[in-house]
Amino acid sequence: MKSSRLLSILLLLQTRGRMTAGQLAGELEVSVRTVYRDVEALHAAGVPLYGDAGHRGGYQLLAGYRTRLTGLTGGEAEALFLSGVPGPAAELGLGPALAAAQLKVTAALPPPLRAQADRIRSRFHLQAPGWYAEEDPVPHLERVADAVWHSKVLRVRYRRWKEPTDVDRRLEPYGLVLKAGRWYAVAAPGPRTYRVDQILELTVTDERFEPPEDFDLAAHWRRYEADFLSRLHKGEAVVRLSPAAAGRLTGAAARALAATGEPEPGGWTRATLPVESLEQAHAAFLAMGAEAEVLGPPELRERLAATAAALAAVYGAG
């Protein structure tokens, strides 16, 4: 709706400052011509909005102008209270601030929306980590977050998976990402990604840094995830799966089963599945027990056979 788009333009300019017509069009997913028309409509409504031409031009609001948050719909109010995840906020030291902010927003809502927000909080609770993922202590998280916020250089002792495992690093932390219950710091040089729970020692220095103006944390993380996933499944295993084992597959394995699966007698299926490594595949197929038979590669089949023989020796073949 046009009225919603006009409010969005106001809020974008209020929060981000100067923006070009192209940037506004990209944010709102409309044409630049539509942005021009919307800006004219705001002018006609008396909004103190002006534009500058040239390389560094764009639209911006007159200094000091603020618009009140109005027109909040029921769906927007529900989404607002679903988006507040108290666990991560508390880990960052922002638990009281989040509670205070939600209280202020609740008080500002009209009674019907206030009732909907209260109902949402009473019916839905969001928790990112899975049942079997233990929550690792992250003792340095608050200090890393403070360094991100104030653009301060960190000196850390970091534990990585390859030798030498414990290394010293000078980091310029650009941002923090919470993924599946685990915190990651994106930091220069690079930038590279570091698990915050693997920081053994940390010193916040007085040295300041400036992140690149064009650095976008969300866009960087999307590229990082895509690259990670492209490197994740480098191998393949040819397997026979019982109906029970086939039904437990998820993600890339389930998609590969659907694409390559060939029915066999007895309801079993022969398929080629992606695997991350010999160790990961050994653990995954061992967990399936007699519901899966690995046909190749030979080294994986031989390792599973050796493990099965060792288990038979422990528990007794008879």
C-alpha atoms as a PDB file:
ATOM      1  CA  MET A   1       0.000   0.000   0.000  1.00  0.00           C
ATOM      2  CA  LYS A   2       1.166   3.523  -0.796  1.00  0.00           C
ATOM      3  CA  SER A   3       0.563   4.844   2.739  1.00  0.00           C
ATOM      4  CA  SER A   4       2.712   2.066   4.205  1.00  0.00           C
ATOM      5  CA  ARG A   5       5.457   2.800   1.661  1.00  0.00           C
ATOM      6  CA  LEU A   6       5.439   6.515   2.480  1.00  0.00           C
ATOM      7  CA  LEU A   7       5.844   5.710   6.175  1.00  0.00           C
ATOM      8  CA  SER A   8       8.685   3.335   5.299  1.00  0.00           C
ATOM      9  CA  ILE A   9      10.495   6.107   3.406  1.00  0.00           C
ATOM     10  CA  LEU A  10      10.159   8.397   6.408  1.00  0.00           C
ATOM     11  CA  LEU A  11      11.485   5.770   8.825  1.00  0.00           C
ATOM     12  CA  LEU A  12      14.378   4.820   6.521  1.00  0.00           C
ATOM     13  CA  LEU A  13      15.498   8.434   6.193  1.00  0.00           C
ATOM     14  CA  GLN A  14      14.998   9.008   9.900  1.00  0.00           C
ATOM     15  CA  THR A  15      17.179   6.057  10.885  1.00  0.00           C
ATOM     16  CA  ARG A  16      19.796   6.052   8.106  1.00  0.00           C
ATOM     17  CA  GLY A  17      20.071   9.696   7.111  1.00  0.00           C
ATOM     18  CA  ARG A  18      20.745  10.592   3.486  1.00  0.00           C
ATOM     19  CA  MET A  19      19.661   7.961   0.915  1.00  0.00           C
ATOM     20  CA  THR A  20      19.501   8.079  -2.872  1.00  0.00           C
ATOM     21  CA  ALA A  21      16.377   7.268  -4.857  1.00  0.00           C
ATOM     22  CA  GLY A  22      18.081   4.083  -6.026  1.00  0.00           C
ATOM     23  CA  GLN A  23      18.814   2.984  -2.465  1.00  0.00           C
ATOM     24  CA  LEU A  24      15.230   3.675  -1.392  1.00  0.00           C
ATOM     25  CA  ALA A  25      13.912   1.782  -4.411  1.00  0.00           C
ATOM     26  CA  GLY A  26      16.094  -1.202  -3.531  1.00  0.00           C
ATOM     27  CA  GLU A  27      14.930  -1.244   0.078  1.00  0.00           C
ATOM     28  CA  LEU A  28      11.255  -0.958  -0.849  1.00  0.00           C
ATOM     29  CA  GLU A  29      11.475  -3.204  -3.941  1.00  0.00           C
ATOM     30  CA  VAL A  30       9.878  -0.610  -6.209  1.00  0.00           C
ATOM     31  CA  SER A  31      11.064   1.402  -9.218  1.00  0.00           C
ATOM     32  CA  VAL A  32      13.019   4.636  -8.921  1.00  0.00           C
ATOM     33  CA  ARG A  33      10.114   6.372 -10.680  1.00  0.00           C
ATOM     34  CA  THR A  34       7.796   5.209  -7.863  1.00  0.00           C
ATOM     35  CA  VAL A  35      10.194   6.684  -5.290  1.00  0.00           C
ATOM     36  CA  TYR A  36      10.123  10.025  -7.122  1.00  0.00           C
ATOM     37  CA  ARG A  37       6.305  10.031  -6.978  1.00  0.00           C
ATOM     38  CA  ASP A  38       6.313   9.085  -3.276  1.00  0.00           C
ATOM     39  CA  VAL A  39       8.765  11.874  -2.461  1.00  0.00           C
ATOM     40  CA  GLU A  40       6.494  14.373  -4.245  1.00  0.00           C
ATOM     41  CA  ALA A  41       3.551  13.073  -2.175  1.00  0.00           C
ATOM     42  CA  LEU A  42       5.531  13.596   1.042  1.00  0.00           C
ATOM     43  CA  HIS A  43       6.429  17.124  -0.069  1.00  0.00           C
ATOM     44  CA  ALA A  44       2.763  17.841  -0.711  1.00  0.00           C
ATOM     45  CA  ALA A  45       1.912  16.564   2.785  1.00  0.00           C
ATOM     46  CA  GLY A  46       4.302  19.094   4.325  1.00  0.00           C
ATOM     47  CA  VAL A  47       7.100  16.687   5.302  1.00  0.00           C
ATOM     48  CA  PRO A  48      10.426  18.653   5.469  1.00  0.00           C
ATOM     49  CA  LEU A  49      12.201  16.416   2.981  1.00  0.00           C
ATOM     50  CA  TYR A  50      14.751  17.718   0.505  1.00  0.00           C
ATOM     51  CA  GLY A  51      17.137  16.274  -2.047  1.00  0.00           C
ATOM     52  CA  ASP A  52      20.589  17.142  -3.331  1.00  0.00           C
ATOM     53  CA  ALA A  53      21.917  16.365  -6.787  1.00  0.00           C
ATOM     54  CA  GLY A  54      25.387  15.143  -7.597  1.00  0.00           C
ATOM     55  CA  HIS A  55      27.655  12.236  -6.717  1.00  0.00           C
ATOM     56  CA  ARG A  56      27.034  12.547  -2.966  1.00  0.00           C
ATOM     57  CA  GLY A  57      23.417  13.604  -3.336  1.00  0.00           C
ATOM     58  CA  GLY A  58      20.246  11.997  -2.082  1.00  0.00           C
ATOM     59  CA  TYR A  59      17.180  12.645   0.010  1.00  0.00           C
ATOM     60  CA  GLN A  60      17.190  13.524   3.685  1.00  0.00           C
ATOM     61  CA  LEU A  61      14.933  14.995   6.334  1.00  0.00           C
ATOM     62  CA  LEU A  62      15.396  18.465   7.749  1.00  0.00           C
ATOM     63  CA  ALA A  63      17.660  18.299  10.831  1.00  0.00           C
ATOM     64  CA  GLY A  64      15.672  17.669  13.986  1.00  0.00           C
ATOM     65  CA  TYR A  65      12.560  16.319  12.261  1.00  0.00           C
ATOM     66  CA  ARG A  66      11.176  13.122  13.806  1.00  0.00           C
ATOM     67  CA  THR A  67       8.028  11.205  13.003  1.00  0.00           C
ATOM     68  CA  ARG A  68       6.052   9.333  15.613  1.00  0.00           C
ATOM     69  CA  LEU A  69       5.629   5.589  15.206  1.00  0.00           C
ATOM     70  CA  THR A  70       2.041   5.314  14.027  1.00  0.00           C
ATOM     71  CA  GLY A  71      -0.013   2.850  12.049  1.00  0.00           C
ATOM     72  CA  LEU A  72       1.402  -0.266  13.716  1.00  0.00           C
ATOM     73  CA  THR A  73      -0.687  -3.206  12.546  1.00  0.00           C
ATOM     74  CA  GLY A  74      -1.620  -6.302  14.517  1.00  0.00           C
ATOM     75  CA  GLY A  75       0.791  -8.430  12.487  1.00  0.00           C
ATOM     76  CA  GLU A  76       3.633  -5.968  13.021  1.00  0.00           C
ATOM     77  CA  ALA A  77       2.997  -5.916  16.774  1.00  0.00           C
ATOM     78  CA  GLU A  78       3.028  -9.712  16.869  1.00  0.00           C
ATOM     79  CA  ALA A  79       6.267  -9.869  14.863  1.00  0.00           C
ATOM     80  CA  LEU A  80       7.855  -7.278  17.151  1.00  0.00           C
ATOM     81  CA  PHE A  81       7.312  -9.379  20.253  1.00  0.00           C
ATOM     82  CA  LEU A  82       8.294 -12.604  18.512  1.00  0.00           C
ATOM     83  CA  SER A  83      11.593 -10.998  17.479  1.00  0.00           C
ATOM     84  CA  GLY A  84      12.729 -10.271  21.031  1.00  0.00           C
ATOM     85  CA  VAL A  85      14.889 -13.239  22.036  1.00  0.00           C
ATOM     86  CA  PRO A  86      15.734 -12.725  25.732  1.00  0.00           C
ATOM     87  CA  GLY A  87      18.446 -15.397  25.908  1.00  0.00           C
ATOM     88  CA  PRO A  88      20.892 -13.826  23.404  1.00  0.00           C
ATOM     89  CA  ALA A  89      20.096 -10.342  24.723  1.00  0.00           C
ATOM     90  CA  ALA A  90      20.986 -11.449  28.249  1.00  0.00           C
ATOM     91  CA  GLU A  91      24.227 -13.038  27.001  1.00  0.00           C
ATOM     92  CA  LEU A  92      25.184  -9.676  25.511  1.00  0.00           C
ATOM     93  CA  GLY A  93      24.347  -7.910  28.764  1.00  0.00           C
ATOM     94  CA  LEU A  94      21.242  -6.329  27.233  1.00  0.00           C
ATOM     95  CA  GLY A  95      18.555  -8.270  29.107  1.00  0.00           C
ATOM     96  CA  PRO A  96      17.328  -5.334  31.235  1.00  0.00           C
ATOM     97  CA  ALA A  97      17.457  -2.995  28.229  1.00  0.00           C
ATOM     98  CA  LEU A  98      15.348  -5.394  26.138  1.00  0.00           C
ATOM     99  CA  ALA A  99      12.782  -5.769  28.923  1.00  0.00           C
ATOM    100  CA  ALA A 100      12.572  -1.992  29.361  1.00  0.00           C
ATOM    101  CA  ALA A 101      12.203  -1.405  25.618  1.00  0.00           C
ATOM    102  CA  GLN A 102       9.423  -3.976  25.302  1.00  0.00           C
ATOM    103  CA  LEU A 103       7.655  -2.435  28.288  1.00  0.00           C
ATOM    104  CA  LYS A 104       7.790   1.019  26.689  1.00  0.00           C
ATOM    105  CA  VAL A 105       6.509  -0.283  23.345  1.00  0.00           C
ATOM    106  CA  THR A 106       3.720  -2.196  25.107  1.00  0.00           C
ATOM    107  CA  ALA A 107       2.651   0.931  26.987  1.00  0.00           C
ATOM    108  CA  ALA A 108       2.536   2.912  23.726  1.00  0.00           C
ATOM    109  CA  LEU A 109       0.337   0.380  21.919  1.00  0.00           C
ATOM    110  CA  PRO A 110      -3.429   0.859  21.779  1.00  0.00           C
ATOM    111  CA  PRO A 111      -5.348  -1.660  23.968  1.00  0.00           C
ATOM    112  CA  PRO A 112      -6.269  -4.134  21.148  1.00  0.00           C
ATOM    113  CA  LEU A 113      -2.652  -4.445  19.969  1.00  0.00           C
ATOM    114  CA  ARG A 114      -1.392  -4.559  23.559  1.00  0.00           C
ATOM    115  CA  ALA A 115      -3.625  -7.584  24.192  1.00  0.00           C
ATOM    116  CA  GLN A 116      -2.305  -9.286  21.047  1.00  0.00           C
ATOM    117  CA  ALA A 117       1.305  -8.662  22.099  1.00  0.00           C
ATOM    118  CA  ASP A 118       0.664 -10.089  25.567  1.00  0.00           C
ATOM    119  CA  ARG A 119      -0.984 -13.132  23.996  1.00  0.00           C
ATOM    120  CA  ILE A 120       1.982 -13.703  21.683  1.00  0.00           C
ATOM    121  CA  ARG A 121       4.399 -13.656  24.626  1.00  0.00           C
ATOM    122  CA  SER A 122       2.233 -16.127  26.530  1.00  0.00           C
ATOM    123  CA  ARG A 123       1.897 -18.551  23.597  1.00  0.00           C
ATOM    124  CA  PHE A 124       5.306 -18.567  21.886  1.00  0.00           C
ATOM    125  CA  HIS A 125       8.825 -19.014  23.247  1.00  0.00           C
ATOM    126  CA  LEU A 126      11.767 -19.069  20.839  1.00  0.00           C
ATOM    127  CA  GLN A 127      14.973 -20.941  21.667  1.00  0.00           C
ATOM    128  CA  ALA A 128      17.570 -21.388  18.958  1.00  0.00           C
ATOM    129  CA  PRO A 129      19.792 -24.286  20.184  1.00  0.00           C
ATOM    130  CA  GLY A 130      18.663 -27.892  19.717  1.00  0.00           C
ATOM    131  CA  TRP A 131      18.002 -30.399  22.507  1.00  0.00           C
ATOM    132  CA  TYR A 132      21.330 -32.141  22.186  1.00  0.00           C
ATOM    133  CA  ALA A 133      23.448 -29.026  21.723  1.00  0.00           C
ATOM    134  CA  GLU A 134      24.950 -28.102  25.052  1.00  0.00           C
ATOM    135  CA  GLU A 135      25.249 -24.403  25.696  1.00  0.00           C
ATOM    136  CA  ASP A 136      28.972 -23.715  25.860  1.00  0.00           C
ATOM    137  CA  PRO A 137      30.082 -20.975  28.259  1.00  0.00           C
ATOM    138  CA  VAL A 138      31.067 -17.774  26.468  1.00  0.00           C
ATOM    139  CA  PRO A 139      32.878 -15.808  29.181  1.00  0.00           C
ATOM    140  CA  HIS A 140      34.236 -13.077  26.902  1.00  0.00           C
ATOM    141  CA  LEU A 141      31.059 -12.357  24.932  1.00  0.00           C
ATOM    142  CA  GLU A 142      30.096  -9.096  26.638  1.00  0.00           C
ATOM    143  CA  ARG A 143      33.584  -7.654  26.232  1.00  0.00           C
ATOM    144  CA  VAL A 144      33.698  -8.665  22.558  1.00  0.00           C
ATOM    145  CA  ALA A 145      30.293  -7.026  22.048  1.00  0.00           C
ATOM    146  CA  ASP A 146      31.523  -3.861  23.754  1.00  0.00           C
ATOM    147  CA  ALA A 147      34.586  -3.800  21.478  1.00  0.00           C
ATOM    148  CA  VAL A 148      32.327  -4.234  18.420  1.00  0.00           C
ATOM    149  CA  TRP A 149      30.135  -1.357  19.548  1.00  0.00           C
ATOM    150  CA  HIS A 150      33.013   1.009  20.320  1.00  0.00           C
ATOM    151  CA  SER A 151      35.301  -0.107  17.444  1.00  0.00           C
ATOM    152  CA  LYS A 152      38.164  -1.149  19.729  1.00  0.00           C
ATOM    153  CA  VAL A 153      40.970  -3.514  18.773  1.00  0.00           C
ATOM    154  CA  LEU A 154      41.169  -6.845  20.610  1.00  0.00           C
ATOM    155  CA  ARG A 155      44.200  -8.933  21.426  1.00  0.00           C
ATOM    156  CA  VAL A 156      43.184 -12.542  21.994  1.00  0.00           C
ATOM    157  CA  ARG A 157      44.554 -16.002  22.549  1.00  0.00           C
ATOM    158  CA  TYR A 158      42.411 -18.216  20.330  1.00  0.00           C
ATOM    159  CA  ARG A 159      42.038 -21.996  20.133  1.00  0.00           C
ATOM    160  CA  ARG A 160      41.603 -23.369  16.628  1.00  0.00           C
ATOM    161  CA  TRP A 161      41.211 -26.938  15.348  1.00  0.00           C
ATOM    162  CA  LYS A 162      44.578 -27.284  13.549  1.00  0.00           C
ATOM    163  CA  GLU A 163      48.154 -27.144  14.815  1.00  0.00           C
ATOM    164  CA  PRO A 164      49.328 -25.001  16.452  1.00  0.00           C
ATOM    165  CA  THR A 165      45.990 -24.956  18.253  1.00  0.00           C
ATOM    166  CA  ASP A 166      46.510 -21.929  20.539  1.00  0.00           C
ATOM    167  CA  VAL A 167      47.472 -18.760  18.676  1.00  0.00           C
ATOM    168  CA  ASP A 168      47.656 -15.031  19.430  1.00  0.00           C
ATOM    169  CA  ARG A 169      45.669 -12.686  17.229  1.00  0.00           C
ATOM    170  CA  ARG A 170      45.070  -8.949  16.865  1.00  0.00           C
ATOM    171  CA  LEU A 171      41.426  -8.516  15.832  1.00  0.00           C
ATOM    172  CA  GLU A 172      39.331  -5.628  14.605  1.00  0.00           C
ATOM    173  CA  PRO A 173      35.825  -6.932  15.402  1.00  0.00           C
ATOM    174  CA  TYR A 174      33.289  -5.794  12.799  1.00  0.00           C
ATOM    175  CA  GLY A 175      30.285  -7.640  14.218  1.00  0.00           C
ATOM    176  CA  LEU A 176      28.751 -10.584  16.068  1.00  0.00           C
ATOM    177  CA  VAL A 177      26.543 -13.329  14.632  1.00  0.00           C
ATOM    178  CA  LEU A 178      24.404 -15.830  16.555  1.00  0.00           C
ATOM    179  CA  LYS A 179      24.035 -19.064  14.563  1.00  0.00           C
ATOM    180  CA  ALA A 180      22.269 -22.128  16.004  1.00  0.00           C
ATOM    181  CA  GLY A 181      22.951 -21.012  19.568  1.00  0.00           C
ATOM    182  CA  ARG A 182      26.640 -20.285  18.981  1.00  0.00           C
ATOM    183  CA  TRP A 183      28.249 -16.826  18.837  1.00  0.00           C
ATOM    184  CA  TYR A 184      30.725 -15.900  16.094  1.00  0.00           C
ATOM    185  CA  ALA A 185      32.832 -12.759  15.739  1.00  0.00           C
ATOM    186  CA  VAL A 186      33.564 -11.432  12.261  1.00  0.00           C
ATOM    187  CA  ALA A 187      36.855  -9.571  12.475  1.00  0.00           C
ATOM    188  CA  ALA A 188      39.698  -8.154  10.388  1.00  0.00           C
ATOM    189  CA  PRO A 189      42.178  -8.909   9.034  1.00  0.00           C
ATOM    190  CA  GLY A 190      40.256 -10.723   6.368  1.00  0.00           C
ATOM    191  CA  PRO A 191      37.638 -10.414   7.665  1.00  0.00           C
ATOM    192  CA  ARG A 192      37.570 -13.914   9.139  1.00  0.00           C
ATOM    193  CA  THR A 193      35.166 -15.729  11.455  1.00  0.00           C
ATOM    194  CA  TYR A 194      36.012 -16.718  15.027  1.00  0.00           C
ATOM    195  CA  ARG A 195      33.988 -18.716  17.532  1.00  0.00           C
ATOM    196  CA  VAL A 196      33.696 -16.516  20.599  1.00  0.00           C
ATOM    197  CA  ASP A 197      33.636 -19.521  22.961  1.00  0.00           C
ATOM    198  CA  GLN A 198      37.114 -20.480  21.673  1.00  0.00           C
ATOM    199  CA  ILE A 199      38.676 -17.220  22.858  1.00  0.00           C
ATOM    200  CA  LEU A 200      40.841 -18.280  25.808  1.00  0.00           C
ATOM    201  CA  GLU A 201      42.197 -14.876  26.828  1.00  0.00           C
ATOM    202  CA  LEU A 202      41.144 -11.391  25.784  1.00  0.00           C
ATOM    203  CA  THR A 203      42.428  -7.847  26.176  1.00  0.00           C
ATOM    204  CA  VAL A 204      40.427  -4.846  24.985  1.00  0.00           C
ATOM    205  CA  THR A 205      42.959  -2.233  23.883  1.00  0.00           C
ATOM    206  CA  ASP A 206      42.590   1.539  23.615  1.00  0.00           C
ATOM    207  CA  GLU A 207      43.397   1.320  19.902  1.00  0.00           C
ATOM    208  CA  ARG A 208      40.458   2.257  17.675  1.00  0.00           C
ATOM    209  CA  PHE A 209      39.632   1.140  14.142  1.00  0.00           C
ATOM    210  CA  GLU A 210      37.084   2.093  11.502  1.00  0.00           C
ATOM    211  CA  PRO A 211      35.202  -0.691   9.687  1.00  0.00           C
ATOM    212  CA  PRO A 212      34.998  -0.223   5.908  1.00  0.00           C
ATOM    213  CA  GLU A 213      32.055   1.975   4.977  1.00  0.00           C
ATOM    214  CA  ASP A 214      30.761  -0.621   2.527  1.00  0.00           C
ATOM    215  CA  PHE A 215      30.952  -3.566   4.958  1.00  0.00           C
ATOM    216  CA  ASP A 216      27.552  -5.255   5.386  1.00  0.00           C
ATOM    217  CA  LEU A 217      27.563  -7.882   8.156  1.00  0.00           C
ATOM    218  CA  ALA A 218      24.432  -9.702   6.954  1.00  0.00           C
ATOM    219  CA  ALA A 219      25.681  -9.854   3.356  1.00  0.00           C
ATOM    220  CA  HIS A 220      29.117 -11.022   4.506  1.00  0.00           C
ATOM    221  CA  TRP A 221      27.561 -13.803   6.592  1.00  0.00           C
ATOM    222  CA  ARG A 222      25.421 -14.986   3.662  1.00  0.00           C
ATOM    223  CA  ARG A 223      28.556 -15.267   1.510  1.00  0.00           C
ATOM    224  CA  TYR A 224      30.402 -17.032   4.328  1.00  0.00           C
ATOM    225  CA  GLU A 225      27.582 -19.580   4.761  1.00  0.00           C
ATOM    226  CA  ALA A 226      27.392 -20.212   1.022  1.00  0.00           C
ATOM    227  CA  ASP A 227      31.151 -20.807   0.852  1.00  0.00           C
ATOM    228  CA  PHE A 228      31.042 -23.046   3.923  1.00  0.00           C
ATOM    229  CA  LEU A 229      28.250 -25.167   2.473  1.00  0.00           C
ATOM    230  CA  SER A 230      30.024 -25.441  -0.889  1.00  0.00           C
ATOM    231  CA  ARG A 231      33.062 -26.917   0.906  1.00  0.00           C
ATOM    232  CA  LEU A 232      31.078 -29.048   3.329  1.00  0.00           C
ATOM    233  CA  HIS A 233      30.175 -32.077   1.226  1.00  0.00           C
ATOM    234  CA  LYS A 234      33.221 -32.992  -0.826  1.00  0.00           C
ATOM    235  CA  GLY A 235      32.780 -36.781  -0.798  1.00  0.00           C
ATOM    236  CA  GLU A 236      30.114 -39.337  -1.659  1.00  0.00           C
ATOM    237  CA  ALA A 237      29.064 -42.715  -0.320  1.00  0.00           C
ATOM    238  CA  VAL A 238      27.049 -45.386  -2.112  1.00  0.00           C
ATOM    239  CA  VAL A 239      24.673 -46.985   0.373  1.00  0.00           C
ATOM    240  CA  ARG A 240      21.693 -49.303   0.744  1.00  0.00           C
ATOM    241  CA  LEU A 241      19.077 -47.984   3.158  1.00  0.00           C
ATOM    242  CA  SER A 242      16.132 -49.649   4.829  1.00  0.00           C
ATOM    243  CA  PRO A 243      12.815 -47.738   4.827  1.00  0.00           C
ATOM    244  CA  ALA A 244      13.469 -46.748   8.456  1.00  0.00           C
ATOM    245  CA  ALA A 245      16.932 -45.338   7.684  1.00  0.00           C
ATOM    246  CA  ALA A 246      15.738 -43.560   4.544  1.00  0.00           C
ATOM    247  CA  GLY A 247      12.962 -41.905   6.519  1.00  0.00           C
ATOM    248  CA  ARG A 248      15.447 -40.420   9.003  1.00  0.00           C
ATOM    249  CA  LEU A 249      17.507 -38.551   6.396  1.00  0.00           C
ATOM    250  CA  THR A 250      17.300 -34.761   6.335  1.00  0.00           C
ATOM    251  CA  GLY A 251      18.843 -31.851   4.452  1.00  0.00           C
ATOM    252  CA  ALA A 252      21.353 -32.594   1.683  1.00  0.00           C
ATOM    253  CA  ALA A 253      21.189 -36.357   2.321  1.00  0.00           C
ATOM    254  CA  ALA A 254      17.393 -36.396   1.884  1.00  0.00           C
ATOM    255  CA  ARG A 255      17.680 -34.392  -1.326  1.00  0.00           C
ATOM    256  CA  ALA A 256      20.344 -36.759  -2.663  1.00  0.00           C
ATOM    257  CA  LEU A 257      18.164 -39.750  -1.786  1.00  0.00           C
ATOM    258  CA  ALA A 258      15.275 -38.256  -3.754  1.00  0.00           C
ATOM    259  CA  ALA A 259      17.544 -37.542  -6.742  1.00  0.00           C
ATOM    260  CA  THR A 260      19.597 -40.755  -6.888  1.00  0.00           C
ATOM    261  CA  GLY A 261      17.530 -43.357  -5.027  1.00  0.00           C
ATOM    262  CA  GLU A 262      16.855 -46.673  -6.808  1.00  0.00           C
ATOM    263  CA  PRO A 263      14.329 -49.117  -5.261  1.00  0.00           C
ATOM    264  CA  GLU A 264      15.583 -52.592  -4.341  1.00  0.00           C
ATOM    265  CA  PRO A 265      13.740 -55.742  -3.222  1.00  0.00           C
ATOM    266  CA  GLY A 266      12.411 -55.679   0.315  1.00  0.00           C
ATOM    267  CA  GLY A 267      11.700 -51.950   0.312  1.00  0.00           C
ATOM    268  CA  TRP A 268      15.362 -50.952   0.553  1.00  0.00           C
ATOM    269  CA  THR A 269      16.841 -48.129  -1.549  1.00  0.00           C
ATOM    270  CA  ARG A 270      20.248 -47.775  -3.150  1.00  0.00           C
ATOM    271  CA  ALA A 271      21.507 -44.172  -3.321  1.00  0.00           C
ATOM    272  CA  THR A 272      24.584 -41.955  -3.532  1.00  0.00           C
ATOM    273  CA  LEU A 273      24.752 -39.592  -0.553  1.00  0.00           C
ATOM    274  CA  PRO A 274      27.079 -36.623   0.129  1.00  0.00           C
ATOM    275  CA  VAL A 275      29.486 -36.908   3.069  1.00  0.00           C
ATOM    276  CA  GLU A 276      31.684 -34.337   4.770  1.00  0.00           C
ATOM    277  CA  SER A 277      34.600 -36.611   5.666  1.00  0.00           C
ATOM    278  CA  LEU A 278      35.486 -40.228   6.377  1.00  0.00           C
ATOM    279  CA  GLU A 279      35.148 -39.617  10.126  1.00  0.00           C
ATOM    280  CA  GLN A 280      31.748 -37.919   9.856  1.00  0.00           C
ATOM    281  CA  ALA A 281      30.389 -40.589   7.506  1.00  0.00           C
ATOM    282  CA  HIS A 282      31.676 -43.382   9.767  1.00  0.00           C
ATOM    283  CA  ALA A 283      29.832 -41.925  12.749  1.00  0.00           C
ATOM    284  CA  ALA A 284      26.651 -41.221  10.785  1.00  0.00           C
ATOM    285  CA  PHE A 285      26.297 -44.665   9.213  1.00  0.00           C
ATOM    286  CA  LEU A 286      27.392 -46.458  12.371  1.00  0.00           C
ATOM    287  CA  ALA A 287      24.469 -44.790  14.149  1.00  0.00           C
ATOM    288  CA  MET A 288      22.092 -46.408  11.618  1.00  0.00           C
ATOM    289  CA  GLY A 289      23.261 -49.874  12.626  1.00  0.00           C
ATOM    290  CA  ALA A 290      21.935 -52.719  10.490  1.00  0.00           C
ATOM    291  CA  GLU A 291      19.456 -50.370   8.772  1.00  0.00           C
ATOM    292  CA  ALA A 292      22.169 -49.191   6.352  1.00  0.00           C
ATOM    293  CA  GLU A 293      24.884 -50.905   4.299  1.00  0.00           C
ATOM    294  CA  VAL A 294      27.751 -48.863   2.863  1.00  0.00           C
ATOM    295  CA  LEU A 295      28.876 -50.206  -0.523  1.00  0.00           C
ATOM    296  CA  GLY A 296      31.569 -47.613  -1.173  1.00  0.00           C
ATOM    297  CA  PRO A 297      34.042 -46.026  -0.949  1.00  0.00           C
ATOM    298  CA  PRO A 298      36.082 -49.098   0.126  1.00  0.00           C
ATOM    299  CA  GLU A 299      37.903 -47.309   2.975  1.00  0.00           C
ATOM    300  CA  LEU A 300      34.590 -46.318   4.589  1.00  0.00           C
ATOM    301  CA  ARG A 301      33.148 -49.818   4.251  1.00  0.00           C
ATOM    302  CA  GLU A 302      36.334 -51.334   5.683  1.00  0.00           C
ATOM    303  CA  ARG A 303      36.342 -48.959   8.657  1.00  0.00           C
ATOM    304  CA  LEU A 304      32.694 -49.762   9.442  1.00  0.00           C
ATOM    305  CA  ALA A 305      33.419 -53.479   9.150  1.00  0.00           C
ATOM    306  CA  ALA A 306      36.345 -53.148  11.562  1.00  0.00           C
ATOM    307  CA  THR A 307      34.197 -51.235  14.046  1.00  0.00           C
ATOM    308  CA  ALA A 308      31.426 -53.836  13.769  1.00  0.00           C
ATOM    309  CA  ALA A 309      33.940 -56.627  14.391  1.00  0.00           C
ATOM    310  CA  ALA A 310      35.311 -54.845  17.436  1.00  0.00           C
ATOM    311  CA  LEU A 311      31.803 -54.373  18.813  1.00  0.00           C
ATOM    312  CA  ALA A 312      31.022 -58.060  18.242  1.00  0.00           C
ATOM    313  CA  ALA A 313      34.173 -58.980  20.144  1.00  0.00           C
ATOM    314  CA  VAL A 314      33.158 -56.769  23.063  1.00  0.00           C
ATOM    315  CA  TYR A 315      29.576 -57.975  23.268  1.00  0.00           C
ATOM    316  CA  GLY A 316      30.147 -61.559  22.101  1.00  0.00           C
ATOM    317  CA  ALA A 317      29.139 -62.971  18.757  1.00  0.00           C
ATOM    318  CA  GLY A 318      26.757 -65.462  20.370  1.00  0.00           C
END
